[in-house]
PDB file of N, CA and C in Angstrom:
ATOM      1  N   UNK A   1      -2.931 -24.884   5.437  1.00  0.00           N
ATOM      2  CA  UNK A   1      -3.213 -26.161   4.620  1.00  0.00           C
ATOM      3  C   UNK A   1      -2.556 -27.237   5.371  1.00  0.00           C
ATOM      4  N   UNK A   2      -2.762 -28.535   5.929  1.00  0.00           N
ATOM      5  CA  UNK A   2      -1.638 -29.143   6.100  1.00  0.00           C
ATOM      6  C   UNK A   2      -2.185 -30.907   5.733  1.00  0.00           C
ATOM      7  N   UNK A   3      -1.960 -30.979   4.750  1.00  0.00           N
ATOM      8  CA  UNK A   3      -2.437 -32.256   3.815  1.00  0.00           C
ATOM      9  C   UNK A   3      -1.052 -32.614   2.861  1.00  0.00           C
ATOM     10  N   UNK A   4      -0.608 -33.704   3.380  1.00  0.00           N
ATOM     11  CA  UNK A   4       0.310 -34.396   2.419  1.00  0.00           C
ATOM     12  C   UNK A   4      -0.490 -35.838   2.135  1.00  0.00           C
ATOM     13  N   UNK A   5      -0.387 -35.882   0.658  1.00  0.00           N
ATOM     14  CA  UNK A   5      -0.836 -36.913  -0.284  1.00  0.00           C
ATOM     15  C   UNK A   5       0.370 -37.905   0.212  1.00  0.00           C
ATOM     16  N   UNK A   6      -0.375 -39.064   0.341  1.00  0.00           N
ATOM     17  CA  UNK A   6       0.699 -40.565   0.506  1.00  0.00           C
ATOM     18  C   UNK A   6       1.140 -41.392  -0.626  1.00  0.00           C
ATOM     19  N   UNK A   7       1.878 -42.042  -0.551  1.00  0.00           N
ATOM     20  CA  UNK A   7       2.472 -42.750  -1.633  1.00  0.00           C
ATOM     21  C   UNK A   7       2.625 -42.074  -3.005  1.00  0.00           C
ATOM     22  N   UNK A   8       2.171 -42.880  -3.786  1.00  0.00           N
ATOM     23  CA  UNK A   8       2.341 -41.984  -5.323  1.00  0.00           C
ATOM     24  C   UNK A   8       1.345 -41.016  -5.931  1.00  0.00           C
ATOM     25  N   UNK A   9       0.855 -40.004  -5.176  1.00  0.00           N
ATOM     26  CA  UNK A   9      -0.261 -39.099  -4.987  1.00  0.00           C
ATOM     27  C   UNK A   9       0.433 -37.837  -4.992  1.00  0.00           C
ATOM     28  N   UNK A  10      -0.480 -36.776  -5.887  1.00  0.00           N
ATOM     29  CA  UNK A  10       0.027 -35.422  -5.734  1.00  0.00           C
ATOM     30  C   UNK A  10      -1.134 -34.539  -5.674  1.00  0.00           C
ATOM     31  N   UNK A  11      -1.440 -33.518  -4.771  1.00  0.00           N
ATOM     32  CA  UNK A  11      -2.523 -32.481  -4.700  1.00  0.00           C
ATOM     33  C   UNK A  11      -2.019 -31.664  -5.346  1.00  0.00           C
ATOM     34  N   UNK A  12      -3.368 -31.339  -6.249  1.00  0.00           N
ATOM     35  CA  UNK A  12      -3.283 -30.317  -7.259  1.00  0.00           C
ATOM     36  C   UNK A  12      -4.292 -29.035  -7.018  1.00  0.00           C
ATOM     37  N   UNK A  13      -3.843 -27.891  -7.592  1.00  0.00           N
ATOM     38  CA  UNK A  13      -5.262 -26.848  -7.727  1.00  0.00           C
ATOM     39  C   UNK A  13      -5.659 -26.544  -9.201  1.00  0.00           C
ATOM     40  N   UNK A  14      -6.552 -26.697  -9.720  1.00  0.00           N
ATOM     41  CA  UNK A  14      -6.766 -26.383 -10.993  1.00  0.00           C
ATOM     42  C   UNK A  14      -6.651 -24.997 -11.448  1.00  0.00           C
ATOM     43  N   UNK A  15      -6.035 -25.164 -12.483  1.00  0.00           N
ATOM     44  CA  UNK A  15      -5.721 -23.444 -13.293  1.00  0.00           C
ATOM     45  C   UNK A  15      -7.158 -23.085 -13.726  1.00  0.00           C
ATOM     46  N   UNK A  16      -7.139 -21.791 -13.682  1.00  0.00           N
ATOM     47  CA  UNK A  16      -8.621 -21.060 -14.273  1.00  0.00           C
ATOM     48  C   UNK A  16      -8.774 -21.101 -15.745  1.00  0.00           C
ATOM     49  N   UNK A  17      -9.602 -21.663 -16.488  1.00  0.00           N
ATOM     50  CA  UNK A  17      -9.910 -21.530 -17.428  1.00  0.00           C
ATOM     51  C   UNK A  17     -10.666 -20.235 -18.311  1.00  0.00           C
ATOM     52  N   UNK A  18     -10.265 -19.252 -19.408  1.00  0.00           N
ATOM     53  CA  UNK A  18     -10.912 -18.287 -19.684  1.00  0.00           C
ATOM     54  C   UNK A  18     -12.279 -18.587 -19.987  1.00  0.00           C
ATOM     55  N   UNK A  19     -12.880 -17.413 -19.809  1.00  0.00           N
ATOM     56  CA  UNK A  19     -14.542 -17.715 -20.261  1.00  0.00           C
ATOM     57  C   UNK A  19     -14.912 -16.738 -21.184  1.00  0.00           C
ATOM     58  N   UNK A  20     -13.891 -16.695 -21.918  1.00  0.00           N
ATOM     59  CA  UNK A  20     -14.103 -15.556 -23.211  1.00  0.00           C
ATOM     60  C   UNK A  20     -12.979 -16.423 -24.092  1.00  0.00           C
ATOM     61  N   UNK A  21     -14.233 -16.314 -25.503  1.00  0.00           N
ATOM     62  CA  UNK A  21     -13.715 -16.967 -26.828  1.00  0.00           C
ATOM     63  C   UNK A  21     -12.734 -15.873 -27.495  1.00  0.00           C
ATOM     64  N   UNK A  22     -11.806 -16.459 -28.250  1.00  0.00           N
ATOM     65  CA  UNK A  22     -10.872 -15.408 -29.036  1.00  0.00           C
ATOM     66  C   UNK A  22     -12.051 -14.163 -29.896  1.00  0.00           C
ATOM     67  N   UNK A  23     -13.057 -14.671 -29.774  1.00  0.00           N
ATOM     68  CA  UNK A  23     -13.933 -13.566 -30.581  1.00  0.00           C
ATOM     69  C   UNK A  23     -14.506 -13.073 -29.977  1.00  0.00           C
ATOM     70  N   UNK A  24     -14.407 -13.117 -28.253  1.00  0.00           N
ATOM     71  CA  UNK A  24     -15.225 -12.439 -27.511  1.00  0.00           C
ATOM     72  C   UNK A  24     -16.391 -12.401 -26.872  1.00  0.00           C
ATOM     73  N   UNK A  25     -16.349 -13.975 -27.206  1.00  0.00           N
ATOM     74  CA  UNK A  25     -18.128 -14.091 -26.748  1.00  0.00           C
ATOM     75  C   UNK A  25     -17.802 -15.292 -24.921  1.00  0.00           C
ATOM     76  N   UNK A  26     -18.471 -14.668 -24.409  1.00  0.00           N
ATOM     77  CA  UNK A  26     -18.312 -15.216 -22.816  1.00  0.00           C
ATOM     78  C   UNK A  26     -19.237 -16.919 -23.059  1.00  0.00           C
ATOM     79  N   UNK A  27     -18.622 -17.627 -22.220  1.00  0.00           N
ATOM     80  CA  UNK A  27     -18.826 -18.829 -22.161  1.00  0.00           C
ATOM     81  C   UNK A  27     -19.557 -18.896 -20.515  1.00  0.00           C
ATOM     82  N   UNK A  28     -21.098 -19.474 -20.632  1.00  0.00           N
ATOM     83  CA  UNK A  28     -21.368 -19.672 -19.108  1.00  0.00           C
ATOM     84  C   UNK A  28     -20.644 -20.877 -18.859  1.00  0.00           C
ATOM     85  N   UNK A  29     -20.355 -20.884 -17.186  1.00  0.00           N
ATOM     86  CA  UNK A  29     -20.087 -21.636 -16.451  1.00  0.00           C
ATOM     87  C   UNK A  29     -20.261 -23.035 -16.650  1.00  0.00           C
ATOM     88  N   UNK A  30     -21.872 -23.205 -16.898  1.00  0.00           N
ATOM     89  CA  UNK A  30     -22.107 -24.530 -16.926  1.00  0.00           C
ATOM     90  C   UNK A  30     -21.983 -25.216 -18.439  1.00  0.00           C
ATOM     91  N   UNK A  31     -21.241 -24.613 -19.456  1.00  0.00           N
ATOM     92  CA  UNK A  31     -21.000 -24.673 -20.714  1.00  0.00           C
ATOM     93  C   UNK A  31     -19.491 -25.179 -20.760  1.00  0.00           C
ATOM     94  N   UNK A  32     -18.680 -24.647 -19.473  1.00  0.00           N
ATOM     95  CA  UNK A  32     -17.334 -24.951 -19.368  1.00  0.00           C
ATOM     96  C   UNK A  32     -17.368 -26.283 -19.232  1.00  0.00           C
ATOM     97  N   UNK A  33     -15.756 -26.608 -20.071  1.00  0.00           N
ATOM     98  CA  UNK A  33     -15.111 -28.147 -19.172  1.00  0.00           C
ATOM     99  C   UNK A  33     -13.943 -27.682 -18.145  1.00  0.00           C
ATOM    100  N   UNK A  34     -13.866 -28.859 -17.508  1.00  0.00           N
ATOM    101  CA  UNK A  34     -12.951 -28.621 -16.408  1.00  0.00           C
ATOM    102  C   UNK A  34     -11.547 -28.523 -17.114  1.00  0.00           C
ATOM    103  N   UNK A  35     -10.717 -27.612 -16.484  1.00  0.00           N
ATOM    104  CA  UNK A  35      -9.307 -27.508 -17.012  1.00  0.00           C
ATOM    105  C   UNK A  35      -8.388 -28.858 -16.725  1.00  0.00           C
ATOM    106  N   UNK A  36      -7.614 -29.435 -17.603  1.00  0.00           N
ATOM    107  CA  UNK A  36      -6.766 -30.465 -17.430  1.00  0.00           C
ATOM    108  C   UNK A  36      -5.535 -30.184 -17.408  1.00  0.00           C
ATOM    109  N   UNK A  37      -5.019 -28.753 -16.939  1.00  0.00           N
ATOM    110  CA  UNK A  37      -4.077 -28.662 -16.198  1.00  0.00           C
ATOM    111  C   UNK A  37      -4.333 -28.087 -14.445  1.00  0.00           C
ATOM    112  N   UNK A  38      -3.084 -28.250 -13.685  1.00  0.00           N
ATOM    113  CA  UNK A  38      -2.896 -27.895 -12.168  1.00  0.00           C
ATOM    114  C   UNK A  38      -1.904 -27.678 -11.645  1.00  0.00           C
ATOM    115  N   UNK A  39      -2.113 -26.481 -10.888  1.00  0.00           N
ATOM    116  CA  UNK A  39      -0.550 -26.194  -9.983  1.00  0.00           C
ATOM    117  C   UNK A  39      -0.873 -27.452  -9.321  1.00  0.00           C
ATOM    118  N   UNK A  40       0.824 -28.193  -8.998  1.00  0.00           N
ATOM    119  CA  UNK A  40       1.203 -28.841  -7.817  1.00  0.00           C
ATOM    120  C   UNK A  40       1.396 -28.047  -6.760  1.00  0.00           C
ATOM    121  N   UNK A  41       0.583 -28.318  -5.653  1.00  0.00           N
ATOM    122  CA  UNK A  41       0.587 -28.118  -4.189  1.00  0.00           C
ATOM    123  C   UNK A  41       1.265 -28.974  -3.333  1.00  0.00           C
ATOM    124  N   UNK A  42       1.303 -29.932  -3.394  1.00  0.00           N
ATOM    125  CA  UNK A  42       2.282 -31.135  -2.077  1.00  0.00           C
ATOM    126  C   UNK A  42       2.115 -31.999  -2.751  1.00  0.00           C
ATOM    127  N   UNK A  43       3.251 -33.069  -2.901  1.00  0.00           N
ATOM    128  CA  UNK A  43       3.493 -34.180  -3.742  1.00  0.00           C
ATOM    129  C   UNK A  43       3.582 -35.342  -2.433  1.00  0.00           C
ATOM    130  N   UNK A  44       3.244 -36.990  -3.067  1.00  0.00           N
ATOM    131  CA  UNK A  44       3.501 -37.769  -1.978  1.00  0.00           C
ATOM    132  C   UNK A  44       4.927 -38.054  -1.850  1.00  0.00           C
ATOM    133  N   UNK A  45       5.605 -39.119  -0.852  1.00  0.00           N
ATOM    134  CA  UNK A  45       6.865 -39.298  -0.826  1.00  0.00           C
ATOM    135  C   UNK A  45       7.602 -40.182  -1.960  1.00  0.00           C
ATOM    136  N   UNK A  46       6.648 -40.482  -2.517  1.00  0.00           N
ATOM    137  CA  UNK A  46       7.667 -41.872  -3.514  1.00  0.00           C
ATOM    138  C   UNK A  46       7.379 -41.170  -5.109  1.00  0.00           C
ATOM    139  N   UNK A  47       7.034 -39.637  -4.914  1.00  0.00           N
ATOM    140  CA  UNK A  47       7.269 -38.953  -6.300  1.00  0.00           C
ATOM    141  C   UNK A  47       8.550 -38.377  -6.497  1.00  0.00           C
ATOM    142  N   UNK A  48       9.041 -38.515  -7.812  1.00  0.00           N
ATOM    143  CA  UNK A  48      10.180 -37.991  -8.065  1.00  0.00           C
ATOM    144  C   UNK A  48      10.528 -36.852  -9.126  1.00  0.00           C
ATOM    145  N   UNK A  49       9.650 -36.798 -10.181  1.00  0.00           N
ATOM    146  CA  UNK A  49       9.505 -36.460 -11.271  1.00  0.00           C
ATOM    147  C   UNK A  49       8.720 -35.014 -11.161  1.00  0.00           C
ATOM    148  N   UNK A  50       7.837 -35.126 -10.334  1.00  0.00           N
ATOM    149  CA  UNK A  50       6.812 -33.845  -9.840  1.00  0.00           C
ATOM    150  C   UNK A  50       7.279 -33.106  -8.590  1.00  0.00           C
ATOM    151  N   UNK A  51       7.339 -31.863  -8.793  1.00  0.00           N
ATOM    152  CA  UNK A  51       8.094 -30.393  -7.852  1.00  0.00           C
ATOM    153  C   UNK A  51       6.523 -29.814  -7.333  1.00  0.00           C
ATOM    154  N   UNK A  52       6.781 -29.042  -6.111  1.00  0.00           N
ATOM    155  CA  UNK A  52       6.173 -28.214  -5.509  1.00  0.00           C
ATOM    156  C   UNK A  52       5.853 -26.998  -7.428  1.00  0.00           C
ATOM    157  N   UNK A  53       4.828 -26.353  -7.368  1.00  0.00           N
ATOM    158  CA  UNK A  53       4.831 -25.421  -7.986  1.00  0.00           C
ATOM    159  C   UNK A  53       4.518 -25.675  -9.798  1.00  0.00           C
ATOM    160  N   UNK A  54       4.738 -26.724  -9.768  1.00  0.00           N
ATOM    161  CA  UNK A  54       4.791 -27.499 -11.442  1.00  0.00           C
ATOM    162  C   UNK A  54       3.497 -27.307 -11.882  1.00  0.00           C
ATOM    163  N   UNK A  55       3.612 -27.165 -13.039  1.00  0.00           N
ATOM    164  CA  UNK A  55       2.344 -27.079 -13.424  1.00  0.00           C
ATOM    165  C   UNK A  55       1.790 -28.222 -14.400  1.00  0.00           C
ATOM    166  N   UNK A  56       0.785 -29.366 -14.180  1.00  0.00           N
ATOM    167  CA  UNK A  56       0.806 -30.824 -14.779  1.00  0.00           C
ATOM    168  C   UNK A  56      -0.449 -30.567 -15.656  1.00  0.00           C
ATOM    169  N   UNK A  57       0.025 -31.457 -16.628  1.00  0.00           N
ATOM    170  CA  UNK A  57      -1.184 -31.924 -17.655  1.00  0.00           C
ATOM    171  C   UNK A  57      -2.051 -33.270 -17.041  1.00  0.00           C
ATOM    172  N   UNK A  58      -2.956 -33.813 -16.867  1.00  0.00           N
ATOM    173  CA  UNK A  58      -3.562 -34.939 -16.517  1.00  0.00           C
ATOM    174  C   UNK A  58      -4.777 -35.540 -17.195  1.00  0.00           C
ATOM    175  N   UNK A  59      -4.968 -36.506 -16.702  1.00  0.00           N
ATOM    176  CA  UNK A  59      -6.126 -37.498 -17.941  1.00  0.00           C
ATOM    177  C   UNK A  59      -7.531 -37.107 -17.229  1.00  0.00           C
ATOM    178  N   UNK A  60      -8.477 -36.873 -18.290  1.00  0.00           N
ATOM    179  CA  UNK A  60      -9.570 -35.947 -18.072  1.00  0.00           C
ATOM    180  C   UNK A  60     -10.554 -36.753 -17.340  1.00  0.00           C
ATOM    181  N   UNK A  61     -10.995 -36.565 -16.268  1.00  0.00           N
ATOM    182  CA  UNK A  61     -11.895 -37.339 -15.642  1.00  0.00           C
ATOM    183  C   UNK A  61     -11.228 -37.955 -14.300  1.00  0.00           C
ATOM    184  N   UNK A  62     -10.213 -37.856 -13.721  1.00  0.00           N
ATOM    185  CA  UNK A  62      -9.433 -38.569 -12.885  1.00  0.00           C
ATOM    186  C   UNK A  62      -9.271 -37.721 -11.717  1.00  0.00           C
ATOM    187  N   UNK A  63      -8.325 -38.476 -10.649  1.00  0.00           N
ATOM    188  CA  UNK A  63      -8.845 -37.803  -9.492  1.00  0.00           C
ATOM    189  C   UNK A  63      -9.901 -37.569  -8.407  1.00  0.00           C
ATOM    190  N   UNK A  64      -9.604 -37.311  -7.257  1.00  0.00           N
ATOM    191  CA  UNK A  64     -10.414 -37.261  -6.454  1.00  0.00           C
ATOM    192  C   UNK A  64     -10.371 -35.733  -5.539  1.00  0.00           C
ATOM    193  N   UNK A  65     -11.820 -35.052  -5.920  1.00  0.00           N
ATOM    194  CA  UNK A  65     -11.954 -33.966  -5.669  1.00  0.00           C
ATOM    195  C   UNK A  65     -12.046 -33.733  -4.107  1.00  0.00           C
ATOM    196  N   UNK A  66     -11.360 -32.943  -3.394  1.00  0.00           N
ATOM    197  CA  UNK A  66     -11.478 -32.603  -1.949  1.00  0.00           C
ATOM    198  C   UNK A  66     -11.397 -30.903  -1.838  1.00  0.00           C
ATOM    199  N   UNK A  67     -12.177 -30.677  -0.574  1.00  0.00           N
ATOM    200  CA  UNK A  67     -12.025 -29.145  -0.349  1.00  0.00           C
ATOM    201  C   UNK A  67     -11.482 -29.128   1.103  1.00  0.00           C
ATOM    202  N   UNK A  68     -10.590 -28.118   0.994  1.00  0.00           N
ATOM    203  CA  UNK A  68      -9.649 -27.762   2.049  1.00  0.00           C
ATOM    204  C   UNK A  68      -9.491 -25.983   2.478  1.00  0.00           C
ATOM    205  N   UNK A  69      -9.797 -26.168   3.332  1.00  0.00           N
ATOM    206  CA  UNK A  69      -9.674 -24.447   3.849  1.00  0.00           C
ATOM    207  C   UNK A  69     -10.450 -23.570   3.052  1.00  0.00           C
ATOM    208  N   UNK A  70     -11.653 -24.479   2.267  1.00  0.00           N
ATOM    209  CA  UNK A  70     -12.389 -23.338   1.326  1.00  0.00           C
ATOM    210  C   UNK A  70     -12.233 -23.375   0.179  1.00  0.00           C
ATOM    211  N   UNK A  71     -11.073 -24.386  -0.247  1.00  0.00           N
ATOM    212  CA  UNK A  71     -10.737 -24.228  -1.754  1.00  0.00           C
ATOM    213  C   UNK A  71     -11.022 -25.532  -2.354  1.00  0.00           C
ATOM    214  N   UNK A  72     -10.977 -25.540  -3.540  1.00  0.00           N
ATOM    215  CA  UNK A  72     -11.133 -27.087  -4.358  1.00  0.00           C
ATOM    216  C   UNK A  72      -9.999 -27.396  -4.430  1.00  0.00           C
ATOM    217  N   UNK A  73      -9.774 -28.696  -4.707  1.00  0.00           N
ATOM    218  CA  UNK A  73      -8.138 -29.178  -4.645  1.00  0.00           C
ATOM    219  C   UNK A  73      -9.018 -30.699  -5.430  1.00  0.00           C
ATOM    220  N   UNK A  74      -7.737 -31.175  -6.032  1.00  0.00           N
ATOM    221  CA  UNK A  74      -7.662 -32.521  -6.800  1.00  0.00           C
ATOM    222  C   UNK A  74      -6.244 -33.076  -6.738  1.00  0.00           C
ATOM    223  N   UNK A  75      -6.711 -34.554  -5.556  1.00  0.00           N
ATOM    224  CA  UNK A  75      -5.763 -35.420  -5.466  1.00  0.00           C
ATOM    225  C   UNK A  75      -5.775 -36.667  -6.694  1.00  0.00           C
ATOM    226  N   UNK A  76      -4.612 -36.720  -7.156  1.00  0.00           N
ATOM    227  CA  UNK A  76      -4.095 -37.417  -7.877  1.00  0.00           C
ATOM    228  C   UNK A  76      -3.112 -38.574  -8.371  1.00  0.00           C
ATOM    229  N   UNK A  77      -3.323 -39.652  -8.700  1.00  0.00           N
ATOM    230  CA  UNK A  77      -2.525 -40.847  -8.651  1.00  0.00           C
ATOM    231  C   UNK A  77      -1.285 -40.134  -9.611  1.00  0.00           C
ATOM    232  N   UNK A  78      -0.034 -40.666  -9.454  1.00  0.00           N
ATOM    233  CA  UNK A  78       1.153 -40.182 -10.896  1.00  0.00           C
ATOM    234  C   UNK A  78       0.625 -40.415 -11.648  1.00  0.00           C
ATOM    235  N   UNK A  79       0.587 -41.982 -12.013  1.00  0.00           N
ATOM    236  CA  UNK A  79       0.021 -42.379 -13.369  1.00  0.00           C
ATOM    237  C   UNK A  79      -1.286 -41.857 -14.020  1.00  0.00           C
ATOM    238  N   UNK A  80      -1.872 -40.899 -13.458  1.00  0.00           N
ATOM    239  CA  UNK A  80      -2.922 -39.970 -14.235  1.00  0.00           C
ATOM    240  C   UNK A  80      -2.282 -38.667 -14.722  1.00  0.00           C
ATOM    241  N   UNK A  81      -1.106 -38.200 -14.267  1.00  0.00           N
ATOM    242  CA  UNK A  81      -0.473 -37.186 -14.660  1.00  0.00           C
ATOM    243  C   UNK A  81       0.304 -37.127 -16.308  1.00  0.00           C
ATOM    244  N   UNK A  82       0.017 -36.935 -17.312  1.00  0.00           N
ATOM    245  CA  UNK A  82       0.479 -37.114 -17.960  1.00  0.00           C
ATOM    246  C   UNK A  82       1.899 -36.716 -18.476  1.00  0.00           C
ATOM    247  N   UNK A  83       2.128 -35.487 -18.160  1.00  0.00           N
ATOM    248  CA  UNK A  83       3.429 -34.362 -18.246  1.00  0.00           C
ATOM    249  C   UNK A  83       3.707 -32.998 -17.279  1.00  0.00           C
ATOM    250  N   UNK A  84       4.679 -32.546 -17.246  1.00  0.00           N
ATOM    251  CA  UNK A  84       4.639 -31.546 -16.428  1.00  0.00           C
ATOM    252  C   UNK A  84       5.128 -30.408 -17.576  1.00  0.00           C
ATOM    253  N   UNK A  85       4.640 -29.038 -17.453  1.00  0.00           N
ATOM    254  CA  UNK A  85       4.625 -27.896 -18.416  1.00  0.00           C
ATOM    255  C   UNK A  85       5.865 -27.104 -18.066  1.00  0.00           C
TER     256      UNK A  85
END
């Protein structure tokens, strides 16, 4: 993958969500909410607080979904990132 976000943006890959509850009930894909945590894959040139490989928490329903090399990614403005885990 050859993608570099510009300015104050980060490219992230969403983390996987458990498809089973603690009591053992399976949750179908159409009933799951998209996770609000993701692994940072690339950072823009003006980003200082986030590094490659960090797991970030971001605001729900934010970012632009893109597909690169057959994988789904999300481009987020740094202002939509709540924090680093």
